[in-house]
């Protein structure tokens, strides 16, 4: 029954067709299922014999939503992997900067010129006070 609902065009399922497709001897059982699903808010009646899955909008159905959910989960997994990769690279850079700054042989190169500072766009036209 659920797969028929997922495959239904626009998420709308004709209960008579569902009963015939599922070869149900007592069609009343299909209506019982529909009433329970309606009672818990998963479907709504469109007409006497038609129901619609509430999660499906026009032009979509549950199978499409399942596919969209899978695509979003794949995107999330890929983005989390990218975030881990960037975090790892950030840690490498931080360690490299620590290595360079803690090595006393690099002290002779630890300076910046006025020209370097004035070349930074954010400082152009500003008064800068340097303290050593």
N, C-alpha and C. Protein backbone atom coordinates (compact mmCIF):
# COMPACT_ATOMS: atom_id res chain seq x y z
N UNK A 1 0.82 -1.19 0.00
CA UNK A 1 0.00 0.00 0.00
C UNK A 1 0.87 1.26 0.00
N UNK A 2 1.88 1.25 0.85
CA UNK A 2 2.77 2.42 0.94
C UNK A 2 3.50 2.65 -0.36
N UNK A 3 3.96 1.54 -1.01
CA UNK A 3 4.66 1.74 -2.30
C UNK A 3 3.72 2.28 -3.37
N UNK A 4 2.48 1.88 -3.33
CA UNK A 4 1.52 2.45 -4.29
C UNK A 4 1.36 3.95 -4.04
N UNK A 5 1.29 4.30 -2.78
CA UNK A 5 1.16 5.71 -2.42
C UNK A 5 2.39 6.50 -2.84
N UNK A 6 3.58 5.90 -2.69
CA UNK A 6 4.82 6.57 -3.08
C UNK A 6 4.90 6.75 -4.59
N UNK A 7 4.36 5.79 -5.35
CA UNK A 7 4.44 5.85 -6.80
C UNK A 7 3.30 6.63 -7.44
N UNK A 8 2.30 7.00 -6.65
CA UNK A 8 1.13 7.69 -7.18
C UNK A 8 1.49 9.06 -7.74
N UNK A 9 0.86 9.40 -8.84
CA UNK A 9 1.07 10.71 -9.48
C UNK A 9 0.59 11.81 -8.54
N UNK A 10 1.44 12.79 -8.27
CA UNK A 10 1.16 13.90 -7.36
C UNK A 10 0.85 13.42 -5.94
N UNK A 11 1.22 12.17 -5.63
CA UNK A 11 0.97 11.63 -4.30
C UNK A 11 -0.49 11.30 -4.04
N UNK A 12 -1.34 11.33 -5.09
CA UNK A 12 -2.78 11.05 -4.95
C UNK A 12 -3.04 9.62 -5.40
N UNK A 13 -3.68 8.86 -4.53
CA UNK A 13 -3.95 7.44 -4.80
C UNK A 13 -5.44 7.18 -4.78
N UNK A 14 -5.93 6.50 -5.82
CA UNK A 14 -7.32 6.06 -5.87
C UNK A 14 -7.42 4.76 -5.09
N UNK A 15 -8.25 4.72 -4.07
CA UNK A 15 -8.33 3.56 -3.20
C UNK A 15 -8.92 2.34 -3.91
N UNK A 16 -9.80 2.55 -4.88
CA UNK A 16 -10.36 1.41 -5.64
C UNK A 16 -9.25 0.74 -6.46
N UNK A 17 -8.41 1.56 -7.10
CA UNK A 17 -7.29 1.02 -7.88
C UNK A 17 -6.31 0.31 -6.96
N UNK A 18 -6.07 0.87 -5.79
CA UNK A 18 -5.16 0.24 -4.82
C UNK A 18 -5.69 -1.12 -4.40
N UNK A 19 -6.99 -1.20 -4.13
CA UNK A 19 -7.58 -2.48 -3.72
C UNK A 19 -7.45 -3.52 -4.84
N UNK A 20 -7.70 -3.09 -6.08
CA UNK A 20 -7.58 -4.02 -7.21
C UNK A 20 -6.13 -4.45 -7.42
N UNK A 21 -5.21 -3.49 -7.35
CA UNK A 21 -3.79 -3.79 -7.56
C UNK A 21 -3.27 -4.75 -6.50
N UNK A 22 -3.70 -4.55 -5.27
CA UNK A 22 -3.23 -5.40 -4.17
C UNK A 22 -4.05 -6.69 -4.04
N UNK A 23 -5.05 -6.83 -4.89
CA UNK A 23 -5.92 -8.02 -4.90
C UNK A 23 -6.50 -8.28 -3.51
N UNK A 24 -7.02 -7.23 -2.90
CA UNK A 24 -7.62 -7.34 -1.58
C UNK A 24 -9.05 -7.85 -1.74
N UNK A 25 -9.37 -8.89 -0.99
CA UNK A 25 -10.72 -9.46 -1.09
C UNK A 25 -11.74 -8.53 -0.47
N UNK A 26 -11.39 -7.95 0.66
CA UNK A 26 -12.31 -7.01 1.32
C UNK A 26 -11.77 -5.60 1.15
N UNK A 27 -12.37 -4.85 0.24
CA UNK A 27 -11.91 -3.49 -0.04
C UNK A 27 -12.00 -2.61 1.21
N UNK A 28 -12.84 -3.02 2.13
CA UNK A 28 -13.00 -2.26 3.37
C UNK A 28 -11.67 -2.15 4.11
N UNK A 29 -10.80 -3.14 4.00
CA UNK A 29 -9.50 -3.12 4.69
C UNK A 29 -8.64 -1.97 4.18
N UNK A 30 -8.68 -1.69 2.89
CA UNK A 30 -7.93 -0.56 2.31
C UNK A 30 -8.45 0.75 2.92
N UNK A 31 -9.77 0.86 3.03
CA UNK A 31 -10.36 2.06 3.61
C UNK A 31 -10.01 2.17 5.10
N UNK A 32 -9.90 1.03 5.80
CA UNK A 32 -9.49 1.04 7.20
C UNK A 32 -8.07 1.59 7.34
N UNK A 33 -7.17 1.12 6.46
CA UNK A 33 -5.78 1.62 6.46
C UNK A 33 -5.77 3.12 6.21
N UNK A 34 -6.55 3.55 5.22
CA UNK A 34 -6.61 4.98 4.87
C UNK A 34 -7.13 5.79 6.06
N UNK A 35 -8.13 5.28 6.76
CA UNK A 35 -8.68 6.01 7.92
C UNK A 35 -7.66 6.13 9.04
N UNK A 36 -6.90 5.08 9.28
CA UNK A 36 -5.86 5.14 10.31
C UNK A 36 -4.80 6.16 9.93
N UNK A 37 -4.33 6.11 8.68
CA UNK A 37 -3.30 7.07 8.23
C UNK A 37 -3.81 8.50 8.27
N UNK A 38 -5.09 8.68 7.95
CA UNK A 38 -5.67 10.02 8.03
C UNK A 38 -5.77 10.45 9.49
N UNK A 39 -6.11 9.52 10.36
CA UNK A 39 -6.25 9.83 11.78
C UNK A 39 -4.94 10.29 12.42
N UNK A 40 -3.82 9.76 11.94
CA UNK A 40 -2.53 10.17 12.51
C UNK A 40 -1.86 11.28 11.69
N UNK A 41 -2.62 11.79 10.72
CA UNK A 41 -2.16 12.98 9.99
C UNK A 41 -1.18 12.74 8.87
N UNK A 42 -1.06 11.51 8.39
CA UNK A 42 -0.11 11.25 7.29
C UNK A 42 -0.73 11.45 5.91
N UNK A 43 -2.04 11.30 5.82
CA UNK A 43 -2.71 11.49 4.53
C UNK A 43 -3.93 12.36 4.74
N UNK A 44 -4.49 12.84 3.64
CA UNK A 44 -5.76 13.55 3.70
C UNK A 44 -6.62 13.05 2.55
N UNK A 45 -7.92 13.05 2.76
CA UNK A 45 -8.85 12.60 1.71
C UNK A 45 -9.03 13.73 0.71
N UNK A 46 -8.89 13.40 -0.56
CA UNK A 46 -9.12 14.38 -1.63
C UNK A 46 -10.56 14.27 -2.12
N UNK A 47 -11.07 13.06 -2.11
CA UNK A 47 -12.46 12.79 -2.48
C UNK A 47 -12.85 11.50 -1.77
N UNK A 48 -14.03 10.99 -2.07
CA UNK A 48 -14.51 9.78 -1.39
C UNK A 48 -13.53 8.62 -1.55
N UNK A 49 -12.96 8.45 -2.74
CA UNK A 49 -12.10 7.30 -3.02
C UNK A 49 -10.63 7.65 -3.24
N UNK A 50 -10.26 8.92 -3.05
CA UNK A 50 -8.87 9.33 -3.31
C UNK A 50 -8.26 9.92 -2.04
N UNK A 51 -6.98 9.59 -1.85
CA UNK A 51 -6.22 10.13 -0.72
C UNK A 51 -4.93 10.73 -1.25
N UNK A 52 -4.34 11.62 -0.46
CA UNK A 52 -3.05 12.21 -0.83
C UNK A 52 -2.14 12.22 0.38
N UNK A 53 -0.90 11.81 0.13
CA UNK A 53 0.14 11.86 1.15
C UNK A 53 0.40 13.33 1.44
N UNK A 54 0.33 13.74 2.71
CA UNK A 54 0.50 15.16 3.06
C UNK A 54 1.89 15.68 2.77
N UNK A 55 2.89 14.83 2.81
CA UNK A 55 4.25 15.28 2.56
C UNK A 55 4.54 15.60 1.12
N UNK A 56 3.67 15.20 0.22
CA UNK A 56 3.91 15.42 -1.21
C UNK A 56 3.22 16.69 -1.68
N UNK A 57 3.97 17.52 -2.39
CA UNK A 57 3.39 18.72 -2.96
C UNK A 57 3.04 18.48 -4.41
N UNK A 58 2.50 19.47 -5.07
CA UNK A 58 2.16 19.33 -6.48
C UNK A 58 3.40 18.95 -7.29
N UNK A 59 3.25 17.97 -8.16
CA UNK A 59 4.35 17.56 -9.03
C UNK A 59 5.39 16.70 -8.34
N UNK A 60 5.09 16.25 -7.12
CA UNK A 60 6.05 15.40 -6.44
C UNK A 60 5.31 14.27 -5.75
N UNK A 61 6.07 13.26 -5.35
CA UNK A 61 5.47 12.18 -4.57
C UNK A 61 6.50 11.69 -3.57
N UNK A 62 6.12 10.75 -2.77
CA UNK A 62 7.00 10.28 -1.70
C UNK A 62 8.31 9.72 -2.24
N UNK A 63 8.26 9.04 -3.40
CA UNK A 63 9.49 8.51 -3.98
C UNK A 63 10.44 9.65 -4.35
N UNK A 64 9.88 10.74 -4.87
CA UNK A 64 10.71 11.91 -5.21
C UNK A 64 11.30 12.52 -3.95
N UNK A 65 10.50 12.57 -2.89
CA UNK A 65 11.01 13.13 -1.62
C UNK A 65 12.11 12.26 -1.05
N UNK A 66 11.94 10.95 -1.16
CA UNK A 66 12.96 10.03 -0.68
C UNK A 66 14.25 10.25 -1.47
N UNK A 67 14.12 10.44 -2.77
CA UNK A 67 15.29 10.69 -3.62
C UNK A 67 15.95 12.02 -3.23
N UNK A 68 15.14 13.03 -2.99
CA UNK A 68 15.66 14.35 -2.61
C UNK A 68 16.36 14.27 -1.25
N UNK A 69 15.78 13.53 -0.32
CA UNK A 69 16.39 13.36 0.99
C UNK A 69 17.74 12.67 0.87
N UNK A 70 17.83 11.65 0.02
CA UNK A 70 19.09 10.94 -0.20
C UNK A 70 20.14 11.90 -0.78
N UNK A 71 19.72 12.72 -1.74
CA UNK A 71 20.65 13.69 -2.34
C UNK A 71 21.15 14.69 -1.29
N UNK A 72 20.25 15.14 -0.42
CA UNK A 72 20.65 16.08 0.62
C UNK A 72 21.60 15.43 1.62
N UNK A 73 21.34 14.17 1.96
CA UNK A 73 22.25 13.46 2.87
C UNK A 73 23.62 13.28 2.23
N UNK A 74 23.65 12.99 0.91
CA UNK A 74 24.93 12.87 0.20
C UNK A 74 25.68 14.20 0.22
N UNK A 75 24.95 15.30 -0.01
CA UNK A 75 25.57 16.63 0.03
C UNK A 75 26.14 16.91 1.42
N UNK A 76 25.37 16.58 2.45
CA UNK A 76 25.82 16.80 3.82
C UNK A 76 27.08 16.00 4.11
N UNK A 77 27.11 14.73 3.69
CA UNK A 77 28.28 13.88 3.90
C UNK A 77 29.50 14.48 3.19
N UNK A 78 29.31 14.94 1.96
CA UNK A 78 30.41 15.54 1.18
C UNK A 78 30.90 16.82 1.84
N UNK A 79 29.99 17.65 2.33
CA UNK A 79 30.38 18.90 2.98
C UNK A 79 31.09 18.65 4.30
N UNK A 80 30.64 17.65 5.05
CA UNK A 80 31.32 17.31 6.30
C UNK A 80 32.74 16.81 6.02
N UNK A 81 32.90 16.05 4.95
CA UNK A 81 34.23 15.57 4.55
C UNK A 81 35.12 16.75 4.17
N UNK A 82 34.58 17.70 3.43
CA UNK A 82 35.32 18.90 3.04
C UNK A 82 35.70 19.72 4.28
N UNK A 83 34.78 19.83 5.23
CA UNK A 83 35.06 20.57 6.46
C UNK A 83 36.20 19.90 7.24
N UNK A 84 36.17 18.57 7.33
CA UNK A 84 37.26 17.86 8.03
C UNK A 84 38.59 18.10 7.33
N UNK A 85 38.58 18.09 6.00
CA UNK A 85 39.80 18.33 5.22
C UNK A 85 40.33 19.75 5.49
N UNK A 86 39.44 20.73 5.49
CA UNK A 86 39.85 22.12 5.75
C UNK A 86 40.35 22.29 7.19
N UNK A 87 39.70 21.64 8.13
CA UNK A 87 40.15 21.71 9.52
C UNK A 87 41.56 21.13 9.66
N UNK A 88 41.80 20.02 8.97
CA UNK A 88 43.13 19.39 9.02
C UNK A 88 44.19 20.32 8.43
N UNK A 89 43.87 20.96 7.31
CA UNK A 89 44.83 21.89 6.69
C UNK A 89 45.08 23.10 7.58
N UNK A 90 44.02 23.59 8.25
CA UNK A 90 44.18 24.72 9.17
C UNK A 90 45.12 24.33 10.32
N UNK A 91 44.96 23.13 10.84
CA UNK A 91 45.84 22.68 11.92
C UNK A 91 47.29 22.57 11.45
N UNK A 92 47.49 22.08 10.23
CA UNK A 92 48.86 21.99 9.67
C UNK A 92 49.48 23.39 9.57
N UNK A 93 48.69 24.35 9.08
CA UNK A 93 49.19 25.72 8.96
C UNK A 93 49.52 26.32 10.33
N UNK A 94 48.65 26.09 11.30
CA UNK A 94 48.92 26.60 12.64
C UNK A 94 50.21 26.01 13.20
N UNK A 95 50.41 24.72 13.00
CA UNK A 95 51.62 24.07 13.49
C UNK A 95 52.85 24.61 12.75
N UNK A 96 52.73 24.82 11.44
CA UNK A 96 53.85 25.37 10.67
C UNK A 96 54.22 26.76 11.17
N UNK A 97 53.21 27.59 11.44
CA UNK A 97 53.48 28.93 11.97
C UNK A 97 54.14 28.86 13.34
N UNK A 98 53.70 27.94 14.20
CA UNK A 98 54.33 27.76 15.51
C UNK A 98 55.79 27.34 15.34
N UNK A 99 56.02 26.40 14.42
CA UNK A 99 57.39 25.92 14.19
C UNK A 99 58.31 27.06 13.76
N UNK A 100 57.81 27.90 12.85
CA UNK A 100 58.62 29.01 12.35
C UNK A 100 58.84 30.05 13.45
N UNK A 101 57.80 30.38 14.19
CA UNK A 101 57.93 31.45 15.19
C UNK A 101 58.72 31.00 16.42
N UNK A 102 58.72 29.73 16.73
CA UNK A 102 59.44 29.24 17.91
C UNK A 102 60.91 28.93 17.61
N UNK A 103 61.27 28.88 16.36
CA UNK A 103 62.67 28.60 15.98
C UNK A 103 63.45 29.92 16.05
N UNK A 104 64.35 30.03 16.99
CA UNK A 104 65.08 31.28 17.22
C UNK A 104 65.96 31.68 16.03
N UNK A 105 66.30 30.76 15.18
CA UNK A 105 67.11 31.13 14.00
C UNK A 105 66.28 31.98 13.04
N UNK A 106 64.97 32.02 13.20
CA UNK A 106 64.12 32.82 12.33
C UNK A 106 63.90 34.24 12.86
N UNK A 107 64.43 34.54 14.05
CA UNK A 107 64.23 35.86 14.65
C UNK A 107 64.73 36.99 13.74
N UNK A 108 65.80 36.72 13.03
CA UNK A 108 66.37 37.76 12.16
C UNK A 108 65.42 38.13 11.02
N UNK A 109 64.45 37.25 10.71
CA UNK A 109 63.50 37.52 9.63
C UNK A 109 62.15 38.01 10.15
N UNK A 110 62.01 38.15 11.44
CA UNK A 110 60.73 38.50 12.05
C UNK A 110 60.55 40.02 12.10
N UNK A 111 60.32 40.62 10.97
CA UNK A 111 60.08 42.05 10.93
C UNK A 111 59.17 42.35 9.74
N UNK A 112 58.63 43.57 9.78
CA UNK A 112 57.79 44.03 8.68
C UNK A 112 58.15 45.49 8.43
N UNK A 113 58.16 45.89 7.20
CA UNK A 113 58.54 47.27 6.87
C UNK A 113 57.30 48.14 6.77
N UNK A 114 57.55 49.46 6.81
CA UNK A 114 56.46 50.41 6.64
C UNK A 114 55.80 50.21 5.28
N UNK A 115 56.60 49.92 4.29
CA UNK A 115 56.08 49.68 2.94
C UNK A 115 55.14 48.47 2.92
N UNK A 116 55.52 47.42 3.67
CA UNK A 116 54.66 46.24 3.76
C UNK A 116 53.30 46.60 4.34
N UNK A 117 53.31 47.37 5.44
CA UNK A 117 52.07 47.74 6.12
C UNK A 117 51.23 48.67 5.24
N UNK A 118 51.85 49.65 4.63
CA UNK A 118 51.12 50.60 3.79
C UNK A 118 50.56 49.93 2.54
N UNK A 119 51.10 48.81 2.16
CA UNK A 119 50.61 48.08 0.99
C UNK A 119 49.34 47.29 1.28
N UNK A 120 48.96 47.20 2.54
CA UNK A 120 47.73 46.48 2.90
C UNK A 120 46.54 47.41 2.65
N UNK A 121 45.60 47.02 1.78
CA UNK A 121 44.49 47.91 1.42
C UNK A 121 43.70 48.45 2.62
N UNK A 122 43.53 47.69 3.65
CA UNK A 122 42.74 48.13 4.81
C UNK A 122 43.42 49.27 5.55
N UNK A 123 44.76 49.42 5.41
CA UNK A 123 45.49 50.45 6.13
C UNK A 123 45.79 51.68 5.27
N UNK A 124 45.45 51.66 4.02
CA UNK A 124 45.75 52.80 3.14
C UNK A 124 44.95 54.01 3.58
N UNK A 125 45.63 55.13 3.70
CA UNK A 125 45.00 56.39 4.12
C UNK A 125 44.76 56.47 5.61
N UNK A 126 45.30 55.54 6.38
CA UNK A 126 45.12 55.52 7.84
C UNK A 126 46.44 55.89 8.51
N UNK A 127 46.34 56.43 9.73
CA UNK A 127 47.53 56.69 10.52
C UNK A 127 47.83 55.43 11.30
N UNK A 128 49.08 54.97 11.21
CA UNK A 128 49.46 53.71 11.84
C UNK A 128 50.55 53.99 12.86
N UNK A 129 50.38 53.42 14.05
CA UNK A 129 51.37 53.56 15.10
C UNK A 129 51.95 52.17 15.34
N UNK A 130 53.24 52.02 15.18
CA UNK A 130 53.90 50.72 15.36
C UNK A 130 54.64 50.72 16.69
N UNK A 131 54.53 49.63 17.42
CA UNK A 131 55.22 49.48 18.69
C UNK A 131 56.03 48.21 18.62
N UNK A 132 57.28 48.31 19.10
CA UNK A 132 58.16 47.12 19.07
C UNK A 132 58.22 46.52 20.44
